[in-house]
Amino acid sequence: MENLGPLQIPLSYYGTAAVLAVAAGLFLAWRRCCSEAAGWIALVLAGQACALQLVWAGPNIRLQMFRGWGELLRGPRAIFLAAVLLQAGLVLWGMRRYWPAVRAHAKQFISWPVAVLVFFLVVFSATTIAPEWAQSLAAGNWRSLASRSASHGTKVALGLLIAFTGLLNLILAAASLPGSRWQQVVDWWRGGERRWLPWAAAAWVALAASMLAWVVLERVPHVPDETCYIFQANYFVEGRIAVPAPPDADAFFIPFTIIEDGRWYAATTPGWPALLAVGYFFGVPWLVNPLLGALAVLLTHALLRGPYGRRFADGAVLLLAASPWLLWMSASLMPHPATLVFALLALLGVKQAREQGSVWGGVLAGLGGGALLHVRPLEAVIVAAVAGLWWLLAWKKLRIAAVAAALLAGGTMAGLFLTYNQALTGKAGQTPINKYLNETFYPGVNRLGFGSDVGNDTANRGMNWVGLDALPGHGPIDVIMNSNQNLHLVNSDGFGWMCGSLLLLCAPGRRPGAEPAARSADRMYWALLLAMLGGLSLYWFAGGADFGARYWYLVILPCVVLTLRAGQSFVARARETAMPPGAASRVWAFVALASFAGLVTHLTWRSLDKYWHYRGTSGAIRTLAEERRFGRSLVIINGLAWPEYASASYLNPAVLSVDYPGPIYALPRDEGSLHTLIAAFPDRPIIILNPSPHTPGAFEVAP
């Protein structure tokens, strides 16, 4: 199912047409000053927009992968496939005069081991492995496995064609920029400190994410987790950790909540809802994550300018601010922007304590890591382990007072975490989410580690998510599948590059003559990246495809740093060769053009193909309530708990009081449930909402 526009044409087609118009406009505007470069830049935009139409994503929850060959070869999308092939032919023709230079300098830029590693990474992340492949392998169905492996191989080949075409196209665009004009950009970059730049990048993130939240996501929850966070934030605003149970639990269904002993509370961790509660207090909950995204930009600059210098930090925040992944996550109601901010605070505190022996740095490190524990406990442990080891390795400057301050602050936050668990579950060591999952599915379902009794299962115990997690239990094949899903999404959405966002990651990252502080930071970011990948492999679920590789969100920081370090390495190596003066800096033109094209094409495509009415929820009921002035009423939703009731439940107050002056939204399961609701909320006019048979996501008031 796709989001359809007028004439039943997919909305994403209109987005592609808009990007093509932008490409044509840029070419016409720049053709006099830099005609060749303008042509290649326009081709990058057009080619990437067409390539994204070959991807199967859409507004329903599913793994992202290429569409079937039958659809690509015989349907309307054959036009987009032909466009990608045309782009490939044009860039191969355009590269004809550069091949001698490429062959002459290739060995000086990248060694064979690194080339093999990069190629493996690109192949593995080119597309998602279909769940049926793992199921055939586990079942020993070799004929099916061979067929599915061949099909996957063709999709990998398509992914490699797109990435290689994008790579060559971007090289041509960067290489053909007029030397004098590019030198003006380089001179501007090298001159002055630009103290305004991180603030401008942060302002852009706040503005862009707010626009996406307001216009595309419509300030409503699109993931079950978000509905639960909103419920939790609403009762946190009132100073509660639980609310009275509703009169009819099924009629007020909210995912991941627990009702026991007359109490109703969310099973999710409290850190993010506490921040979201601040937004509800001021009436702008949708603005919290955009502001956290902006804060992450500022903290990244503060963290990196010490070991790497201000110019590097400037480049890092520009790359971060152009990331489609960061912008979409910052537009959502998910907790991951908070995890990035808390991790940055922890690393910044460790950096200050490590370099200066700062006691306040230790306090900041403990508070940041402890706050992260209240949002994503596993990531908190990983960050604490990596940051702590990095700190201890500088043992010559180690100051006991700073370490003690970090332990005290972190221990206090951990104590609050355990106290919260004790208050809700009766056991300090049992989190509400584990209690919920153990009781809803089976004991131990959510534990870390490997085994047939972990996570998704097919033994009639209630959890069967084969569309997202192919096999029951958690084992080596699951690690491969989960890693593939997340690496593909990071490669696609991380920076939005057509050539793949991971392209430079494995290239040599150490500049000749780099300062010891920079080399130490390099090792820490590599350790953080690898620890995140290894640590999260212990968990059975990959996170699905909601807002990218959300469980891996913290890798965005090391990806930014190590990508730019690789670029510095290429620049240094280029200067050591016989390349023409100024050619080395073209690496940054490549990065800038790839990020610009990725930002334009990915935001447009995701807005119309995936996140408009994502998973069926929309702001239609809120708009209808404002237009029709529902007031103090009982609004009955006809439909399913998801998505129909989810489009209304977030509008309810935390405490379902008889005296609440606004509408109460409910989903009665039968006549008896309806009578219970009417008795619980007397003297309220009944309004019935039915899903519109004409417009997906819309509702109509029943006569």
Foldseek 3Di string as FASTA:
>chain_A
DWCADPPRHFLLVVLLVVLLVVLVVQQVVCCVVQNQLSNLLSLLLNLLSLLVVQWDDFQEFFFIFGDDPCCCCPHPSVVSVVSLVVLLVVLVVVCPVVVVVCVVCVCLFFPPVLVVVLVVLLLLQLGAQALVLVVCVVVVVVVVNVVSVVRSVVRSVSSQSQLVSLVSSLVSSLVRNDPVVVVVVVVVLPDDLPPCLLVVLLVLLLVLLQCCLCPQLVVAAQDLVLLQLLLCLQVVLVVDQWFFADLDDQFLDRPQWDDDPRTIHHLAFCLLSVQLNVCVVVVHSQSSLSNLLSLLSVLQQLLPCVQPNSSLSSQLSVLSSLFQLSSNVSRHSACLSLLSSLLSQLLQLLVCCQPPVDLVSLLSNLQSLLSNCRHPVLLSVLSCVLSVVLSVVSVVSHDVSSPVNNCVNNVVSLVVQLVSQCVPVVGSPDGSSQVVCCVQFNHQQWDFAWDQNHHAHDPPRPHHPCSFQVYGTADDVLLSSLVNSQSNLCQCRLLQFSSTLCSLLSGDQAAVPRDPSNVSVLVSLVSSLVSLSVSCSRTRGQCTQVSGSSSSVNNSSSSSNSSVSSLNNQLRSCVVDPDDPPPSCSSVVSSVSRSVSRSSSVVSSCSRTHRRCRQQAHQQVVVVCVVVVQWDAEEEEPDDVPPGVSNPSSVARSHNDLPDGGYDYTYQPDPVSVVSVCVRNDPHHYWYWYQDPPDGNHIDTDD
